[in-house]
Protein backbone atom coordinates (compact mmCIF):
# COMPACT_ATOMS: atom_id res chain seq x y z
CA UNK A 1 73.25 99.71 80.45
CA UNK A 2 75.74 101.06 78.36
CA UNK A 3 77.44 98.98 76.63
CA UNK A 4 79.99 101.48 75.65
CA UNK A 5 80.85 102.36 78.25
CA UNK A 6 84.37 102.25 80.35
CA UNK A 7 83.06 100.34 82.74
CA UNK A 8 79.93 98.84 83.08
CA UNK A 9 78.60 97.82 86.94
CA UNK A 10 75.47 96.66 87.44
CA UNK A 11 73.49 93.70 89.57
CA UNK A 12 72.89 90.82 88.64
CA UNK A 13 71.31 88.32 90.64
CA UNK A 14 72.91 88.27 93.69
CA UNK A 15 75.77 89.13 92.53
CA UNK A 16 77.64 92.90 91.62
CA UNK A 17 79.65 92.63 88.48
CA UNK A 18 81.71 95.12 87.35
CA UNK A 19 83.35 94.26 83.63
CA UNK A 20 86.01 96.36 83.20
CA UNK A 21 84.91 97.32 78.92
CA UNK A 22 88.11 98.84 77.56
CA UNK A 23 89.82 95.81 75.33
CA UNK A 24 91.17 97.73 72.56
CA UNK A 25 92.96 99.61 75.26
CA UNK A 26 93.57 96.05 77.66
CA UNK A 27 91.30 97.60 79.32
CA UNK A 28 93.34 100.12 81.17
CA UNK A 29 91.85 102.16 84.01
CA UNK A 30 90.68 105.55 83.58
CA UNK A 31 88.96 107.82 86.61
CA UNK A 32 85.85 107.55 85.13
CA UNK A 33 86.70 103.92 85.74
CA UNK A 34 87.40 103.91 88.89
CA UNK A 35 85.41 106.39 90.02
CA UNK A 36 82.06 103.86 88.58
CA UNK A 37 83.92 101.51 90.64
CA UNK A 38 83.90 102.87 93.74
CA UNK A 39 80.35 104.28 93.27
CA UNK A 40 79.48 100.60 92.53
CA UNK A 41 80.83 98.94 95.30
CA UNK A 42 80.14 101.81 97.68
CA UNK A 43 76.64 100.93 97.06
CA UNK A 44 76.67 97.60 97.57
CA UNK A 45 78.51 97.06 100.53
CA UNK A 46 75.56 97.67 102.37
CA UNK A 47 72.48 96.08 100.03
CA UNK A 48 71.06 93.02 101.29
CA UNK A 49 70.43 91.52 98.13
CA UNK A 50 73.73 91.54 96.48
CA UNK A 51 75.84 88.28 98.23
CA UNK A 52 79.63 89.14 96.25
CA UNK A 53 81.40 91.08 94.07
CA UNK A 54 82.42 89.58 90.31
CA UNK A 55 85.17 91.92 88.04
CA UNK A 56 86.06 91.06 85.13
CA UNK A 57 87.72 92.03 81.79
CA UNK A 58 86.16 92.23 78.55
CA UNK A 59 88.23 90.79 75.91
CA UNK A 60 90.35 87.77 75.55
CA UNK A 61 93.23 89.27 76.18
CA UNK A 62 93.51 91.38 79.28
CA UNK A 63 91.53 91.67 82.39
CA UNK A 64 93.37 94.54 83.00
CA UNK A 65 96.66 95.60 81.95
CA UNK A 66 97.13 98.45 84.33
CA UNK A 67 96.53 102.98 84.59
CA UNK A 68 96.39 104.38 81.37
CA UNK A 69 100.01 105.91 81.44
CA UNK A 70 100.47 107.95 78.43
CA UNK A 71 97.69 110.16 79.59
CA UNK A 72 99.04 110.35 82.79
CA UNK A 73 102.73 111.85 81.19
CA UNK A 74 101.01 113.28 79.17
CA UNK A 75 98.93 115.72 81.72
CA UNK A 76 102.33 116.06 83.86
CA UNK A 77 104.02 116.95 81.39
CA UNK A 78 101.64 119.22 80.31
CA UNK A 79 101.82 120.78 83.64
CA UNK A 80 98.68 119.54 84.53
CA UNK A 81 99.95 117.99 88.38
CA UNK A 82 97.01 117.95 89.87
CA UNK A 83 94.96 116.01 87.26
CA UNK A 84 97.36 113.30 86.91
CA UNK A 85 97.80 113.48 90.77
CA UNK A 86 94.00 113.08 90.80
CA UNK A 87 93.62 109.61 89.56
CA UNK A 88 96.18 108.40 91.60
CA UNK A 89 94.72 109.63 94.91
CA UNK A 90 90.88 107.38 94.07
CA UNK A 91 92.01 105.18 92.43
CA UNK A 92 94.79 104.68 95.69
CA UNK A 93 91.41 104.98 98.00
CA UNK A 94 89.82 102.13 95.54
CA UNK A 95 92.25 99.46 96.38
CA UNK A 96 91.76 100.42 100.19
CA UNK A 97 87.96 100.28 99.13
CA UNK A 98 88.75 97.17 98.51
CA UNK A 99 91.36 95.67 100.98
CA UNK A 100 88.25 96.39 103.36
CA UNK A 101 85.44 94.68 101.49
CA UNK A 102 82.69 93.34 103.40
CA UNK A 103 81.69 90.86 101.49
CA UNK A 104 83.91 88.08 98.80
CA UNK A 105 84.80 90.21 95.94
CA UNK A 106 85.84 88.09 93.44
CA UNK A 107 88.81 88.42 89.91
CA UNK A 108 88.02 86.03 87.71
CA UNK A 109 91.76 86.81 85.58
CA UNK A 110 92.18 84.83 82.81
CA UNK A 111 94.60 87.62 80.92
CA UNK A 112 97.28 90.37 81.48
CA UNK A 113 96.65 91.30 85.21
CA UNK A 114 99.51 94.85 85.56
CA UNK A 115 100.02 97.59 87.64
CA UNK A 116 96.62 99.71 87.91
CA UNK A 117 94.86 95.93 87.34
CA UNK A 118 96.59 94.54 90.31
CA UNK A 119 95.45 96.53 92.17
CA UNK A 120 91.78 96.18 91.56
CA UNK A 121 92.20 92.65 91.95
CA UNK A 122 94.82 91.52 94.43
CA UNK A 123 93.39 93.11 97.00
CA UNK A 124 89.59 91.27 97.08
CA UNK A 125 88.96 88.25 98.55
CA UNK A 126 88.96 85.46 95.62
CA UNK A 127 91.31 86.08 92.69
CA UNK A 128 90.56 82.94 90.10
CA UNK A 129 92.82 82.41 88.01
CA UNK A 130 92.63 80.95 84.50
CA UNK A 131 94.89 79.80 81.66
CA UNK A 132 95.99 82.44 80.14
CA UNK A 133 96.29 84.18 83.70
CA UNK A 134 100.05 86.64 82.82
CA UNK A 135 100.90 89.23 86.22
CA UNK A 136 103.85 91.25 86.05
CA UNK A 137 104.17 95.00 88.00
CA UNK A 138 107.22 96.02 85.20
CA UNK A 139 106.85 99.64 86.47
CA UNK A 140 110.76 99.69 86.87
CA UNK A 141 111.02 99.38 82.87
CA UNK A 142 109.12 102.72 82.87
CA UNK A 143 111.02 104.45 84.74
CA UNK A 144 107.57 103.96 88.24
CA UNK A 145 108.11 102.32 90.33
CA UNK A 146 105.61 98.83 91.58
CA UNK A 147 102.15 100.69 93.10
CA UNK A 148 97.83 99.86 93.94
CA UNK A 149 99.26 97.84 97.16
CA UNK A 150 102.80 96.83 96.00
CA UNK A 151 104.23 98.75 99.12
CA UNK A 152 102.42 96.08 101.50
CA UNK A 153 101.45 92.80 99.07
CA UNK A 154 105.07 92.49 97.84
CA UNK A 155 106.72 91.56 101.46
CA UNK A 156 104.03 88.97 101.95
CA UNK A 157 104.42 86.83 99.64
CA UNK A 158 106.94 84.10 100.45
CA UNK A 159 111.00 84.23 101.36
CA UNK A 160 112.15 87.47 99.12
CA UNK A 161 109.67 85.79 95.81
CA UNK A 162 107.93 89.96 96.62
CA UNK A 163 111.37 91.60 95.77
CA UNK A 164 112.10 89.94 93.08
CA UNK A 165 109.47 90.90 91.26
CA UNK A 166 109.77 94.59 92.46
CA UNK A 167 112.97 94.96 91.28
CA UNK A 168 113.05 92.51 88.02
CA UNK A 169 109.33 93.41 87.11
CA UNK A 170 109.65 89.53 85.76
CA UNK A 171 106.21 87.90 84.75
CA UNK A 172 104.04 85.53 86.43
CA UNK A 173 101.73 82.20 84.82
CA UNK A 174 98.87 80.50 86.58
CA UNK A 175 101.42 78.07 88.49
CA UNK A 176 103.57 80.51 90.16
CA UNK A 177 100.81 82.93 90.95
CA UNK A 178 99.60 79.63 92.78
CA UNK A 179 102.39 79.05 94.55
CA UNK A 180 102.81 82.49 95.60
CA UNK A 181 99.21 83.23 96.74
CA UNK A 182 98.39 86.00 94.03
CA UNK A 183 95.55 83.91 92.85
CA UNK A 184 92.82 82.15 95.28
CA UNK A 185 92.18 79.55 93.25
CA UNK A 186 93.46 78.15 89.88
CA UNK A 187 90.09 76.86 86.91
CA UNK A 188 89.59 75.81 83.46
CA UNK A 189 89.86 78.86 80.96
CA UNK A 190 86.31 77.48 78.98
CA UNK A 191 84.59 76.77 83.07
CA UNK A 192 84.87 80.64 84.14
CA UNK A 193 80.93 81.75 82.57
CA UNK A 194 79.24 79.01 84.34
CA UNK A 195 81.49 79.29 88.15
CA UNK A 196 80.01 83.38 87.41
CA UNK A 197 76.16 82.03 86.61
CA UNK A 198 76.91 80.17 89.40
CA UNK A 199 77.63 83.44 91.83
CA UNK A 200 75.10 85.10 89.67
CA UNK A 201 72.67 82.92 91.64
CA UNK A 202 74.04 83.02 94.95
CA UNK A 203 75.51 79.42 95.15
CA UNK A 204 77.60 79.40 98.06
CA UNK A 205 81.40 81.35 96.78
CA UNK A 206 83.63 78.85 98.35
CA UNK A 207 81.86 75.65 97.87
CA UNK A 208 81.52 76.90 93.84
CA UNK A 209 85.05 77.49 93.35
CA UNK A 210 86.68 75.35 95.37
CA UNK A 211 84.18 72.01 93.32
CA UNK A 212 86.19 73.99 90.24
CA UNK A 213 90.24 74.52 91.52
CA UNK A 214 92.27 72.75 88.66
CA UNK A 215 95.43 71.51 89.46
CA UNK A 216 97.93 74.54 87.93
CA UNK A 217 101.17 72.27 87.11
CA UNK A 218 104.73 73.07 88.59
CA UNK A 219 105.14 75.72 89.45
CA UNK A 220 108.52 77.27 87.42
CA UNK A 221 109.96 79.20 89.33
CA UNK A 222 110.13 76.52 92.80
CA UNK A 223 113.45 75.92 91.76
CA UNK A 224 114.58 78.94 91.96
CA UNK A 225 113.31 79.99 95.37
CA UNK A 226 117.07 78.95 96.77
CA UNK A 227 118.84 81.90 94.93
CA UNK A 228 115.90 84.39 94.66
CA UNK A 229 116.19 84.44 98.28
CA UNK A 230 119.80 84.30 98.86
CA UNK A 231 120.23 87.28 96.67
CA UNK A 232 117.84 89.80 96.71
CA UNK A 233 117.82 89.38 100.88
CA UNK A 234 120.74 91.78 100.18
CA UNK A 235 121.13 94.89 101.55
CA UNK A 236 120.43 97.60 98.48
CA UNK A 237 120.62 96.79 95.06
CA UNK A 238 124.19 96.95 94.48
CA UNK A 239 124.40 93.91 96.69
CA UNK A 240 121.85 91.85 95.02
CA UNK A 241 123.58 92.28 91.82
CA UNK A 242 126.33 91.07 93.81
CA UNK A 243 124.54 88.21 94.59
CA UNK A 244 123.30 87.48 91.48
CA UNK A 245 126.59 88.01 89.66
CA UNK A 246 128.24 85.19 91.48
CA UNK A 247 125.25 82.12 91.22
CA UNK A 248 125.90 83.09 87.95
CA UNK A 249 129.40 82.78 87.66
CA UNK A 250 128.98 79.39 89.87
CA UNK A 251 126.76 77.96 86.37
CA UNK A 252 123.30 79.61 87.49
CA UNK A 253 121.41 80.66 83.83
CA UNK A 254 118.86 82.19 86.38
CA UNK A 255 120.98 84.38 87.84
CA UNK A 256 122.66 85.79 84.53
CA UNK A 257 119.47 86.13 83.21
CA UNK A 258 117.55 87.80 86.80
CA UNK A 259 120.92 89.88 85.96
CA UNK A 260 121.04 91.48 82.63
CA UNK A 261 117.17 92.02 83.07
CA UNK A 262 117.59 94.19 85.63
CA UNK A 263 120.97 96.42 84.62
CA UNK A 264 118.63 97.32 81.86
CA UNK A 265 115.50 99.01 84.09
CA UNK A 266 115.97 102.81 86.07
CA UNK A 267 118.48 102.84 88.65
CA UNK A 268 116.30 105.46 90.16
CA UNK A 269 113.46 103.01 90.32
CA UNK A 270 115.18 100.08 91.45
CA UNK A 271 116.29 101.88 94.52
CA UNK A 272 112.57 103.14 95.12
CA UNK A 273 111.40 99.83 94.65
CA UNK A 274 114.03 98.38 96.72
CA UNK A 275 112.94 100.57 99.60
CA UNK A 276 109.44 100.45 99.10
CA UNK A 277 109.43 96.49 100.42
CA UNK A 278 111.74 97.29 102.75
CA UNK A 279 109.50 99.65 104.87
CA UNK A 280 106.26 97.70 102.94
CA UNK A 281 106.92 94.70 105.44
CA UNK A 282 105.93 96.89 109.28
CA UNK A 283 103.08 99.43 107.48
CA UNK A 284 99.61 98.22 107.43
CA UNK A 285 98.00 98.63 104.17
CA UNK A 286 96.48 102.40 105.16
CA UNK A 287 99.86 103.48 106.26
CA UNK A 288 101.35 101.44 102.44
CA UNK A 289 98.68 103.08 101.07
CA UNK A 290 100.04 106.62 102.29
CA UNK A 291 103.55 106.10 101.20
CA UNK A 292 102.82 105.46 97.43
CA UNK A 293 101.24 108.69 97.34
CA UNK A 294 104.08 110.33 98.81
CA UNK A 295 106.11 108.48 95.73
CA UNK A 296 103.76 109.11 93.12
CA UNK A 297 103.56 113.20 94.34
CA UNK A 298 107.06 112.73 93.51
CA UNK A 299 108.13 110.34 90.49
CA UNK A 300 107.39 113.59 88.03
CA UNK A 301 110.02 115.80 89.33
CA UNK A 302 112.53 113.81 87.85
CA UNK A 303 113.01 112.40 83.89
CA UNK A 304 113.21 108.97 83.97
CA UNK A 305 109.18 107.86 83.69
CA UNK A 306 109.22 110.19 80.94
CA UNK A 307 111.65 108.23 79.36
CA UNK A 308 110.39 104.69 79.78
CA UNK A 309 106.99 105.60 79.07
CA UNK A 310 109.34 107.32 75.94
CA UNK A 311 111.01 104.01 75.44
CA UNK A 312 108.62 101.32 75.75
CA UNK A 313 105.41 103.03 74.62
CA UNK A 314 105.65 106.28 72.54
CA UNK A 315 108.47 105.25 70.05
CA UNK A 316 108.99 101.27 71.00
CA UNK A 317 113.07 101.67 70.50
CA UNK A 318 113.31 99.97 74.14
CA UNK A 319 116.81 101.86 74.42
CA UNK A 320 115.79 104.67 77.93
CA UNK A 321 118.53 106.39 79.08
CA UNK A 322 118.40 107.08 82.21
CA UNK A 323 119.37 109.65 84.56
CA UNK A 324 121.10 108.68 86.92
CA UNK A 325 122.88 105.74 84.31
CA UNK A 326 123.59 103.52 86.96
CA UNK A 327 123.10 102.70 90.64
CA UNK A 328 126.05 104.49 92.08
CA UNK A 329 124.79 107.83 90.46
CA UNK A 330 121.35 107.22 92.17
CA UNK A 331 121.48 109.69 95.80
CA UNK A 332 120.38 108.05 98.63
CA UNK A 333 118.17 111.56 100.36
CA UNK A 334 116.92 111.47 96.84
CA UNK A 335 115.50 108.19 97.32
CA UNK A 336 114.47 109.18 101.23
CA UNK A 337 112.61 112.34 99.72
CA UNK A 338 109.76 110.27 97.61
CA UNK A 339 109.22 108.53 100.99
CA UNK A 340 108.21 112.14 102.92
CA UNK A 341 105.62 113.67 104.16
CA UNK A 342 103.47 115.49 102.09
CA UNK A 343 102.05 117.08 105.29
CA UNK A 344 98.54 117.99 103.62
CA UNK A 345 98.78 116.82 100.90
CA UNK A 346 98.90 113.54 102.44
CA UNK A 347 96.53 110.85 100.89
CA UNK A 348 92.96 110.88 102.30
CA UNK A 349 91.53 107.32 103.45
CA UNK A 350 88.02 108.08 101.91
């Protein structure tokens, strides 16, 4: 096995083990990684020697911090739209494969899990969180949108917490992840290697994880649930902000901080994300992924994605100049256009 490969897929004992192997890039996904993962999952699905799949990230900082966004924006700006869409198409198809996988699919997450990393973990049967677990879908802050199955997953979180995560991009640590259902098990970081070995030996997944589970402690978001549910159930992004402002005027520091953070995000992206979460509640997983492919096929037509990547990832001045700059400037027909059918270019369920 090539230890320098971007992703290492190998059978170990009774497990298929996938190691995302770009630690210096926080294990960001590339098209090669997506294809190798798909190939391995397809092979192991019918392999009687493989009783479960384990997914892990190399290094100590991240499980996977997302897709290789800089490369994708470079492709779009260079007019290589088909190349960028090829990545998203196959990534979304991989997400569907994981969601429908016939065997236990266990992600060991002991670090950053964002964007594309959420897509290759959240839809599996078991998400095991170590102490360094840190989740976010921060896409509205770079002029993008919460994808990789967020259209399906976020509306199904408790109350309005999914809408809150979509519109704010806020980070979530382990205790909140357990409360919200983003993670299924909380374990000690130093015990993960022993857990992995037990699974490789073929011991029953549920029993192994249940024995290792630890109390993650109180969930910080729990005390703000009433404000989240009240404010983020409003019928537009503008109305959400209005409710947050009202709560802030009554003394809620959480509401004031949340509103201030939202006002730094792309108005267009927040409008798209709001519509996603609303629509996603009634969609099955495949329909949700088709919806996301429609959106991503058009995201490069605007300017915010490029501007957000410039401000956050390239120049790092964190001063994006959004177009339009306000929610009032976002046209309803532009948002609707992102959700329209692609006709023969629709995502294939493969």
